[in-house]
């Protein structure tokens, strides 16, 4: 392989710490005229163009972006591949919505050709929106995962995904068994986990759709393969929380169900957590587990408002999730627009730098991948975006009034969407150009 070294010049911004822990000023690095140097898919240098240009070979290819901002690629810590075709479905809260829309849509993934078609559409949408890593729910069918991983591998993307495990309280056409879910998951793990930049996540849908036997085997898989991920849902909707209490009366609460089956840990991500209590946040933090904050979905399905300050108090890792199809956009910029409103409704502030952190380094920390993604530090994977200040007439006009990078960043998150992402790079390769 010939050495490929390229440089990119623009305004450059990335998170280097959580503003909740170090304060806003110490949480980011900003280079008004910055330079990012990429060697063989990894970032080799980052700094002020004036300081770095002299050190580069004369023949290096430098791409210079005007009126643009380079940031790390976005990280979506909760999204459903098989719900792509039902995004924006009308009029239900969580449990009715699952039965009315979700399960029928997911049943189509028994067909390999359908699974392959949707995997292609889904990955294109992620990249168009600047998402370079996602933690993905498949359907109950192994082919949904084979199709997804094959498509992701072709582009050398860092993706984490798993086949849903679901052996009760769902239509017969969509359930597996405790044993078949274990064997099918194991086969997928053997085939895909650790291959290129791909990782596998053990994926019980949520406590109500798994028997104790299935949850036991999910925990067993995590024990058999030490660096696996685990993803599921928790405390999204009040009706759901009550249902879990009825199904597992012997447990202290919703989180205790997962705790009992040994599903908490450093690579466990629990989506939503809208109705968690202090004790549950403390236990999640203690075990190194993370929560995916999905504001767009929580508002769309009327689930409630996630208490980010409570999570911060417990030093609980929080990533951001679009939760398509409960969420209505693949765009993490749009998701941050909603996150800001969720905080406003609770009388709390969400600074643009905390938002940037949630969409990048916070997500990487939730996934224990901060050594590889989430920043633009030298030595990390070259997963980055070019955001266009002139993406729309309104954005262009509004940003001409901006007095600071804080204001510019906030406007990008309020007015920005997929059109704002001019280019997406993964492992140094251009994988989307608007």
Protein backbone atom coordinates (compact mmCIF):
# COMPACT_ATOMS: atom_id res chain seq x y z
CA UNK A 1 0.00 0.00 0.00
CA UNK A 2 1.44 3.39 -0.96
CA UNK A 3 1.46 5.94 1.85
CA UNK A 4 -1.46 8.32 1.51
CA UNK A 5 -0.95 11.63 3.25
CA UNK A 6 -3.37 14.51 2.83
CA UNK A 7 -4.09 17.76 4.64
CA UNK A 8 -7.31 19.68 5.15
CA UNK A 9 -7.40 23.41 5.95
CA UNK A 10 -10.42 25.16 7.46
CA UNK A 11 -11.75 26.35 10.79
CA UNK A 12 -11.43 23.26 13.02
CA UNK A 13 -13.21 22.49 16.30
CA UNK A 14 -13.29 19.44 18.56
CA UNK A 15 -14.16 18.48 22.14
CA UNK A 16 -11.33 17.38 24.40
CA UNK A 17 -13.29 17.00 27.69
CA UNK A 18 -16.78 17.13 29.21
CA UNK A 19 -17.74 20.77 29.96
CA UNK A 20 -19.63 19.49 33.03
CA UNK A 21 -16.31 18.31 34.50
CA UNK A 22 -13.74 20.89 33.36
CA UNK A 23 -15.81 23.98 32.48
CA UNK A 24 -16.64 25.20 28.98
CA UNK A 25 -13.36 26.95 28.13
CA UNK A 26 -11.20 23.89 28.88
CA UNK A 27 -13.53 21.49 27.06
CA UNK A 28 -12.64 22.23 23.43
CA UNK A 29 -9.89 23.26 21.00
CA UNK A 30 -10.67 25.70 18.19
CA UNK A 31 -8.37 26.69 15.32
CA UNK A 32 -9.78 29.59 13.32
CA UNK A 33 -7.40 28.73 10.47
CA UNK A 34 -6.56 25.13 11.26
CA UNK A 35 -4.87 22.23 9.53
CA UNK A 36 -5.69 18.54 9.85
CA UNK A 37 -3.12 16.07 8.48
CA UNK A 38 -4.21 12.51 7.68
CA UNK A 39 -1.83 9.59 7.15
CA UNK A 40 -3.19 6.19 6.07
CA UNK A 41 -6.62 6.70 7.61
CA UNK A 42 -5.37 8.20 10.86
CA UNK A 43 -4.91 11.76 12.02
CA UNK A 44 -1.19 12.52 12.30
CA UNK A 45 -1.26 16.25 13.08
CA UNK A 46 -3.70 18.98 14.12
CA UNK A 47 -3.00 22.64 14.77
CA UNK A 48 -2.84 26.18 13.44
CA UNK A 49 -2.14 26.25 9.70
CA UNK A 50 0.52 28.94 10.25
CA UNK A 51 2.47 26.57 12.51
CA UNK A 52 2.02 23.30 10.61
CA UNK A 53 2.33 24.28 6.94
CA UNK A 54 6.12 24.67 7.06
CA UNK A 55 6.56 21.10 8.34
CA UNK A 56 4.68 19.50 5.43
CA UNK A 57 6.34 18.12 2.27
CA UNK A 58 6.04 20.46 -0.71
CA UNK A 59 4.02 17.99 -2.80
CA UNK A 60 1.32 17.17 -0.20
CA UNK A 61 -2.26 17.60 -1.39
CA UNK A 62 -3.98 20.30 0.74
CA UNK A 63 -7.75 20.76 0.47
CA UNK A 64 -8.72 24.26 1.59
CA UNK A 65 -12.35 24.82 2.66
CA UNK A 66 -13.70 28.38 2.81
CA UNK A 67 -16.66 29.22 5.06
CA UNK A 68 -16.62 25.79 6.62
CA UNK A 69 -15.96 24.04 9.91
CA UNK A 70 -14.24 20.67 10.34
CA UNK A 71 -15.44 18.63 13.33
CA UNK A 72 -15.11 14.97 14.36
CA UNK A 73 -17.65 12.61 12.81
CA UNK A 74 -20.90 12.36 14.76
CA UNK A 75 -21.63 9.31 16.93
CA UNK A 76 -25.22 8.01 17.21
CA UNK A 77 -25.52 5.77 20.27
CA UNK A 78 -29.05 4.52 19.53
CA UNK A 79 -30.79 3.87 16.20
CA UNK A 80 -32.90 1.12 14.57
CA UNK A 81 -31.95 -0.07 11.07
CA UNK A 82 -35.28 -1.83 10.33
CA UNK A 83 -37.38 1.21 11.25
CA UNK A 84 -36.02 3.32 8.37
CA UNK A 85 -39.16 2.67 6.32
CA UNK A 86 -41.59 3.83 9.04
CA UNK A 87 -39.88 6.97 10.32
CA UNK A 88 -42.46 9.69 10.98
CA UNK A 89 -45.37 7.31 11.73
CA UNK A 90 -48.41 9.10 13.14
CA UNK A 91 -50.19 9.20 16.42
CA UNK A 92 -49.08 6.62 19.01
CA UNK A 93 -47.10 6.34 22.23
CA UNK A 94 -44.45 3.68 22.67
CA UNK A 95 -46.30 0.40 23.25
CA UNK A 96 -49.09 0.98 20.70
CA UNK A 97 -46.54 2.37 18.25
CA UNK A 98 -44.51 -0.87 18.45
CA UNK A 99 -47.56 -3.00 17.65
CA UNK A 100 -49.07 -0.70 15.01
CA UNK A 101 -45.98 0.23 13.03
CA UNK A 102 -42.70 -1.22 14.24
CA UNK A 103 -43.31 -4.96 14.33
CA UNK A 104 -44.96 -5.16 10.87
CA UNK A 105 -42.10 -3.08 9.40
CA UNK A 106 -39.43 -5.26 11.02
CA UNK A 107 -41.06 -8.47 9.74
CA UNK A 108 -39.95 -7.58 6.18
CA UNK A 109 -36.33 -8.27 7.14
CA UNK A 110 -36.88 -12.01 6.86
CA UNK A 111 -36.24 -11.29 3.15
CA UNK A 112 -32.50 -11.01 2.40
CA UNK A 113 -32.99 -8.71 -0.61
CA UNK A 114 -35.06 -6.32 1.50
CA UNK A 115 -32.46 -6.37 4.26
CA UNK A 116 -29.71 -5.50 1.77
CA UNK A 117 -31.70 -2.69 0.15
CA UNK A 118 -32.52 -1.03 3.48
CA UNK A 119 -28.97 -1.46 4.82
CA UNK A 120 -27.72 0.53 1.81
CA UNK A 121 -30.29 3.31 2.29
CA UNK A 122 -29.65 3.42 6.05
CA UNK A 123 -25.86 3.76 5.75
CA UNK A 124 -26.21 6.44 3.06
CA UNK A 125 -28.50 8.41 5.37
CA UNK A 126 -26.07 8.12 8.29
CA UNK A 127 -23.19 9.42 6.18
CA UNK A 128 -25.27 12.20 4.57
CA UNK A 129 -26.00 13.41 8.07
CA UNK A 130 -22.37 13.21 9.20
CA UNK A 131 -22.76 10.13 11.41
CA UNK A 132 -19.59 8.05 11.13
CA UNK A 133 -20.27 5.62 14.00
CA UNK A 134 -23.61 4.26 15.21
CA UNK A 135 -24.83 1.71 17.74
CA UNK A 136 -27.50 -0.07 15.72
CA UNK A 137 -30.44 -2.36 16.48
CA UNK A 138 -31.15 -4.90 13.76
CA UNK A 139 -34.35 -6.91 13.49
CA UNK A 140 -34.77 -10.37 14.98
CA UNK A 141 -33.46 -11.83 11.70
CA UNK A 142 -29.71 -12.56 11.38
CA UNK A 143 -29.85 -11.45 7.72
CA UNK A 144 -30.58 -7.88 8.88
CA UNK A 145 -27.14 -7.87 10.53
CA UNK A 146 -25.25 -9.67 7.78
CA UNK A 147 -26.55 -7.12 5.26
CA UNK A 148 -25.64 -4.18 7.52
CA UNK A 149 -22.15 -5.39 8.41
CA UNK A 150 -21.35 -6.21 4.78
CA UNK A 151 -22.33 -2.70 3.67
CA UNK A 152 -20.41 -1.05 6.56
CA UNK A 153 -17.30 -3.15 5.94
CA UNK A 154 -17.09 -2.08 2.28
CA UNK A 155 -16.69 1.54 3.43
CA UNK A 156 -14.39 0.69 6.38
CA UNK A 157 -16.84 2.28 8.85
CA UNK A 158 -16.62 1.92 12.63
CA UNK A 159 -20.06 0.47 13.41
CA UNK A 160 -21.56 -1.53 16.28
CA UNK A 161 -24.73 -3.55 15.81
CA UNK A 162 -26.67 -6.59 16.90
CA UNK A 163 -29.61 -8.81 16.05
CA UNK A 164 -32.60 -8.22 18.32
CA UNK A 165 -33.34 -10.98 20.87
CA UNK A 166 -37.10 -11.19 21.47
CA UNK A 167 -38.90 -14.37 22.58
CA UNK A 168 -42.21 -13.12 24.07
CA UNK A 169 -44.81 -10.31 24.02
CA UNK A 170 -44.38 -9.78 20.28
CA UNK A 171 -46.12 -11.26 17.21
CA UNK A 172 -45.30 -14.92 16.51
CA UNK A 173 -43.85 -13.96 13.11
CA UNK A 174 -41.21 -11.85 14.88
CA UNK A 175 -40.06 -13.89 17.86
CA UNK A 176 -37.04 -16.13 18.27
CA UNK A 177 -36.41 -18.48 21.22
CA UNK A 178 -33.91 -18.16 24.04
CA UNK A 179 -31.81 -20.90 22.44
CA UNK A 180 -32.06 -19.71 18.80
CA UNK A 181 -31.27 -16.10 19.79
CA UNK A 182 -28.16 -17.32 21.61
CA UNK A 183 -26.96 -19.48 18.70
CA UNK A 184 -27.73 -16.88 16.01
CA UNK A 185 -26.05 -14.10 18.02
CA UNK A 186 -23.01 -16.33 18.60
CA UNK A 187 -22.69 -17.06 14.86
CA UNK A 188 -22.87 -13.31 14.08
CA UNK A 189 -20.27 -12.55 16.77
CA UNK A 190 -17.89 -15.15 15.32
CA UNK A 191 -18.36 -13.75 11.82
CA UNK A 192 -18.27 -10.00 12.43
CA UNK A 193 -17.02 -8.93 15.87
CA UNK A 194 -13.61 -7.28 15.60
CA UNK A 195 -13.52 -7.63 11.80
CA UNK A 196 -12.07 -4.37 10.42
CA UNK A 197 -13.73 -1.59 12.41
CA UNK A 198 -16.88 -3.59 13.23
CA UNK A 199 -18.13 -4.60 16.68
CA UNK A 200 -21.06 -6.72 17.86
CA UNK A 201 -23.68 -5.76 20.45
CA UNK A 202 -25.80 -8.32 22.30
CA UNK A 203 -29.29 -6.86 21.80
CA UNK A 204 -32.26 -7.93 23.95
CA UNK A 205 -34.95 -5.51 22.70
CA UNK A 206 -36.17 -4.63 26.20
CA UNK A 207 -37.09 -6.54 29.34
CA UNK A 208 -40.79 -7.09 28.41
CA UNK A 209 -39.94 -8.97 25.20
CA UNK A 210 -37.37 -11.35 26.71
CA UNK A 211 -38.00 -14.28 29.04
CA UNK A 212 -35.69 -14.78 32.02
CA UNK A 213 -34.10 -17.64 30.01
CA UNK A 214 -33.26 -15.32 27.12
CA UNK A 215 -31.85 -12.60 29.42
CA UNK A 216 -29.71 -15.27 31.13
CA UNK A 217 -28.25 -16.31 27.77
CA UNK A 218 -27.64 -12.67 26.80
CA UNK A 219 -25.58 -12.32 29.98
CA UNK A 220 -23.80 -15.57 29.16
CA UNK A 221 -22.74 -14.22 25.73
CA UNK A 222 -21.22 -11.16 27.41
CA UNK A 223 -19.24 -13.47 29.66
CA UNK A 224 -18.01 -15.58 26.76
CA UNK A 225 -16.69 -12.64 24.69
CA UNK A 226 -15.20 -10.00 27.00
CA UNK A 227 -15.20 -6.99 24.66
CA UNK A 228 -18.75 -7.30 23.32
CA UNK A 229 -21.28 -4.48 23.57
CA UNK A 230 -24.76 -4.78 25.06
CA UNK A 231 -27.65 -2.53 24.05
CA UNK A 232 -31.26 -2.38 25.15
CA UNK A 233 -33.98 0.07 26.20
CA UNK A 234 -34.83 1.31 29.70
CA UNK A 235 -37.44 3.55 31.36
CA UNK A 236 -38.58 5.22 28.16
CA UNK A 237 -42.29 5.40 28.89
CA UNK A 238 -44.26 5.27 32.18
CA UNK A 239 -46.61 2.53 30.92
CA UNK A 240 -43.56 0.45 29.96
CA UNK A 241 -42.00 0.94 33.43
CA UNK A 242 -45.23 -0.35 35.06
CA UNK A 243 -45.34 -3.31 32.66
CA UNK A 244 -41.79 -4.34 33.66
CA UNK A 245 -42.84 -4.25 37.34
CA UNK A 246 -45.73 -6.62 36.56
CA UNK A 247 -43.54 -9.00 34.55
CA UNK A 248 -40.66 -9.06 37.06
CA UNK A 249 -42.31 -8.53 40.49
CA UNK A 250 -39.33 -10.12 42.24
CA UNK A 251 -36.93 -7.36 41.08
CA UNK A 252 -36.48 -3.94 42.75
CA UNK A 253 -37.15 -2.03 39.52
CA UNK A 254 -36.47 -1.84 35.79
CA UNK A 255 -32.69 -1.49 36.01
CA UNK A 256 -32.50 -4.28 38.58
CA UNK A 257 -33.90 -6.69 35.97
CA UNK A 258 -30.89 -6.08 33.72
CA UNK A 259 -28.53 -5.98 36.70
CA UNK A 260 -29.77 -9.38 37.88
CA UNK A 261 -28.99 -10.94 34.48
CA UNK A 262 -25.50 -9.35 34.45
CA UNK A 263 -26.16 -7.00 31.55
CA UNK A 264 -24.58 -3.89 33.11
CA UNK A 265 -20.97 -3.05 32.30
CA UNK A 266 -18.47 -0.81 30.57
CA UNK A 267 -19.83 -1.51 27.08
CA UNK A 268 -23.53 -1.56 28.00
CA UNK A 269 -25.68 1.23 26.57
CA UNK A 270 -29.25 1.78 27.76
CA UNK A 271 -31.45 3.85 25.47
CA UNK A 272 -33.65 6.64 26.87
CA UNK A 273 -33.55 6.46 30.68
CA UNK A 274 -36.21 9.19 30.82
CA UNK A 275 -37.73 7.87 34.05
CA UNK A 276 -34.60 6.69 35.88
CA UNK A 277 -34.27 7.55 39.58
CA UNK A 278 -31.15 8.74 41.41
CA UNK A 279 -30.28 5.25 42.66
CA UNK A 280 -30.49 3.81 39.14
CA UNK A 281 -28.25 6.57 37.74
CA UNK A 282 -25.74 5.87 40.50
CA UNK A 283 -25.77 2.14 39.74
CA UNK A 284 -25.33 2.72 36.00
CA UNK A 285 -22.37 5.01 36.69
CA UNK A 286 -20.86 2.55 39.19
CA UNK A 287 -20.88 -0.26 36.61
CA UNK A 288 -19.50 1.97 33.83
CA UNK A 289 -22.72 1.63 31.82
CA UNK A 290 -23.97 4.46 29.60
CA UNK A 291 -27.29 6.03 28.61
CA UNK A 292 -28.28 7.14 25.10
CA UNK A 293 -30.22 10.44 25.29
CA UNK A 294 -32.81 10.45 22.46
CA UNK A 295 -34.61 13.82 22.67
CA UNK A 296 -36.29 13.79 19.24
CA UNK A 297 -37.87 10.41 19.90
CA UNK A 298 -38.80 11.24 23.50
CA UNK A 299 -40.73 14.30 22.31
CA UNK A 300 -42.26 12.59 19.25
CA UNK A 301 -43.59 9.61 21.24
CA UNK A 302 -44.54 11.77 24.24
CA UNK A 303 -42.25 9.75 26.51
CA UNK A 304 -40.89 12.54 28.71
CA UNK A 305 -37.81 14.69 29.33
CA UNK A 306 -34.38 13.17 30.04
CA UNK A 307 -32.75 14.62 33.17
CA UNK A 308 -29.22 15.38 31.93
CA UNK A 309 -28.21 17.33 35.08
CA UNK A 310 -29.01 14.26 37.21
CA UNK A 311 -26.84 12.08 34.94
CA UNK A 312 -24.02 14.64 35.20
CA UNK A 313 -24.30 14.69 38.98
CA UNK A 314 -23.60 10.93 39.01
CA UNK A 315 -20.84 11.23 36.35
CA UNK A 316 -22.86 8.85 34.18
CA UNK A 317 -21.64 8.49 30.58
CA UNK A 318 -24.25 9.90 28.18
CA UNK A 319 -24.25 9.67 24.40
CA UNK A 320 -26.77 11.06 21.93
CA UNK A 321 -29.20 8.92 19.93
CA UNK A 322 -31.50 9.74 17.03
CA UNK A 323 -33.61 6.62 17.71
CA UNK A 324 -34.90 6.48 14.14
CA UNK A 325 -37.78 5.50 13.66
CA UNK A 326 -39.13 6.83 17.01
CA UNK A 327 -36.91 9.80 16.27
CA UNK A 328 -37.81 11.65 13.09
CA UNK A 329 -34.36 12.57 11.75
CA UNK A 330 -31.00 10.90 11.08
CA UNK A 331 -29.40 14.29 11.78
CA UNK A 332 -27.55 14.70 15.07
CA UNK A 333 -27.64 18.46 14.46
CA UNK A 334 -31.45 18.27 14.48
CA UNK A 335 -31.30 15.96 17.50
CA UNK A 336 -29.26 18.60 19.37
CA UNK A 337 -31.85 21.20 18.39
CA UNK A 338 -34.40 19.04 20.26
CA UNK A 339 -32.01 18.33 23.16
CA UNK A 340 -31.71 22.07 23.78
CA UNK A 341 -35.51 22.35 24.03
CA UNK A 342 -35.72 19.34 26.38
CA UNK A 343 -33.31 21.14 28.72
CA UNK A 344 -35.19 24.45 28.36
CA UNK A 345 -38.43 22.76 29.44
CA UNK A 346 -36.67 21.68 32.65
CA UNK A 347 -35.18 25.11 33.33
CA UNK A 348 -31.67 23.89 32.44
CA UNK A 349 -29.11 25.19 29.94
CA UNK A 350 -27.41 23.16 27.23
CA UNK A 351 -24.34 24.98 25.97
CA UNK A 352 -23.30 24.42 22.34
CA UNK A 353 -19.99 22.98 23.60
CA UNK A 354 -21.80 20.40 25.75
CA UNK A 355 -23.90 19.60 22.67
CA UNK A 356 -20.75 19.12 20.57
CA UNK A 357 -19.38 16.89 23.33
CA UNK A 358 -22.55 14.74 23.41
CA UNK A 359 -22.48 14.25 19.61
CA UNK A 360 -18.77 13.35 19.47
CA UNK A 361 -16.47 12.65 22.43
CA UNK A 362 -19.36 11.92 24.83
CA UNK A 363 -20.65 9.26 22.45
CA UNK A 364 -17.14 7.85 22.06
CA UNK A 365 -16.75 7.64 25.84
CA UNK A 366 -20.15 5.97 26.18
CA UNK A 367 -18.86 3.36 23.71
CA UNK A 368 -15.36 3.17 25.27
CA UNK A 369 -13.88 4.22 21.93
CA UNK A 370 -12.43 7.63 22.88
CA UNK A 371 -8.91 6.41 21.99
CA UNK A 372 -10.10 5.85 18.41
CA UNK A 373 -12.95 8.28 17.59
CA UNK A 374 -14.80 11.34 18.90
CA UNK A 375 -11.91 13.83 18.71
CA UNK A 376 -9.37 14.99 16.14
CA UNK A 377 -6.38 14.13 18.34
CA UNK A 378 -3.34 12.76 16.46
CA UNK A 379 -3.38 8.96 16.57
CA UNK A 380 -7.16 8.64 16.27
CA UNK A 381 -9.11 7.41 13.21
CA UNK A 382 -9.65 10.09 10.57
CA UNK A 383 -13.46 10.19 10.90
CA UNK A 384 -14.42 13.82 10.35
CA UNK A 385 -16.92 16.20 8.72
CA UNK A 386 -16.92 19.41 6.77
CA UNK A 387 -19.87 21.61 7.78
CA UNK A 388 -20.81 24.28 5.22
CA UNK A 389 -21.65 27.75 6.58
CA UNK A 390 -23.52 28.54 3.34
CA UNK A 391 -25.59 25.35 3.20
CA UNK A 392 -28.88 27.28 3.05
CA UNK A 393 -29.61 30.97 2.38
CA UNK A 394 -30.89 31.48 5.94
CA UNK A 395 -27.90 29.74 7.54
CA UNK A 396 -25.51 31.78 5.40
CA UNK A 397 -27.20 35.07 6.34
CA UNK A 398 -27.47 34.18 10.03
CA UNK A 399 -23.84 33.10 10.37
CA UNK A 400 -22.64 36.41 8.90
CA UNK A 401 -24.04 37.97 12.11
CA UNK A 402 -22.14 35.56 14.36
CA UNK A 403 -19.62 37.11 16.79
CA UNK A 404 -18.02 33.90 18.17
CA UNK A 405 -17.45 30.20 17.57
CA UNK A 406 -19.98 29.51 20.37
CA UNK A 407 -22.66 31.41 18.46
CA UNK A 408 -21.70 29.80 15.15
CA UNK A 409 -21.84 26.33 16.70
CA UNK A 410 -25.24 26.97 18.28
CA UNK A 411 -26.68 28.28 15.01
CA UNK A 412 -25.38 25.20 13.14
CA UNK A 413 -27.20 23.02 15.70
CA UNK A 414 -30.40 25.05 15.51
CA UNK A 415 -30.68 25.67 11.76
CA UNK A 416 -28.47 22.85 10.48
CA UNK A 417 -29.45 19.45 9.09
CA UNK A 418 -28.20 17.01 6.44
CA UNK A 419 -27.70 19.90 3.97
CA UNK A 420 -25.07 21.38 6.29
CA UNK A 421 -22.81 18.33 5.91
CA UNK A 422 -20.75 19.04 2.79
CA UNK A 423 -18.44 16.05 3.15
CA UNK A 424 -18.05 13.06 5.45
CA UNK A 425 -14.76 11.20 5.84
CA UNK A 426 -14.33 7.76 7.46
CA UNK A 427 -10.85 6.33 8.07
CA UNK A 428 -9.55 9.11 5.79
CA UNK A 429 -11.80 8.12 2.87
CA UNK A 430 -14.43 10.47 1.43
CA UNK A 431 -17.66 8.50 2.02
CA UNK A 432 -20.20 11.27 1.38
CA UNK A 433 -20.12 14.40 -0.75
CA UNK A 434 -23.20 16.59 -0.87
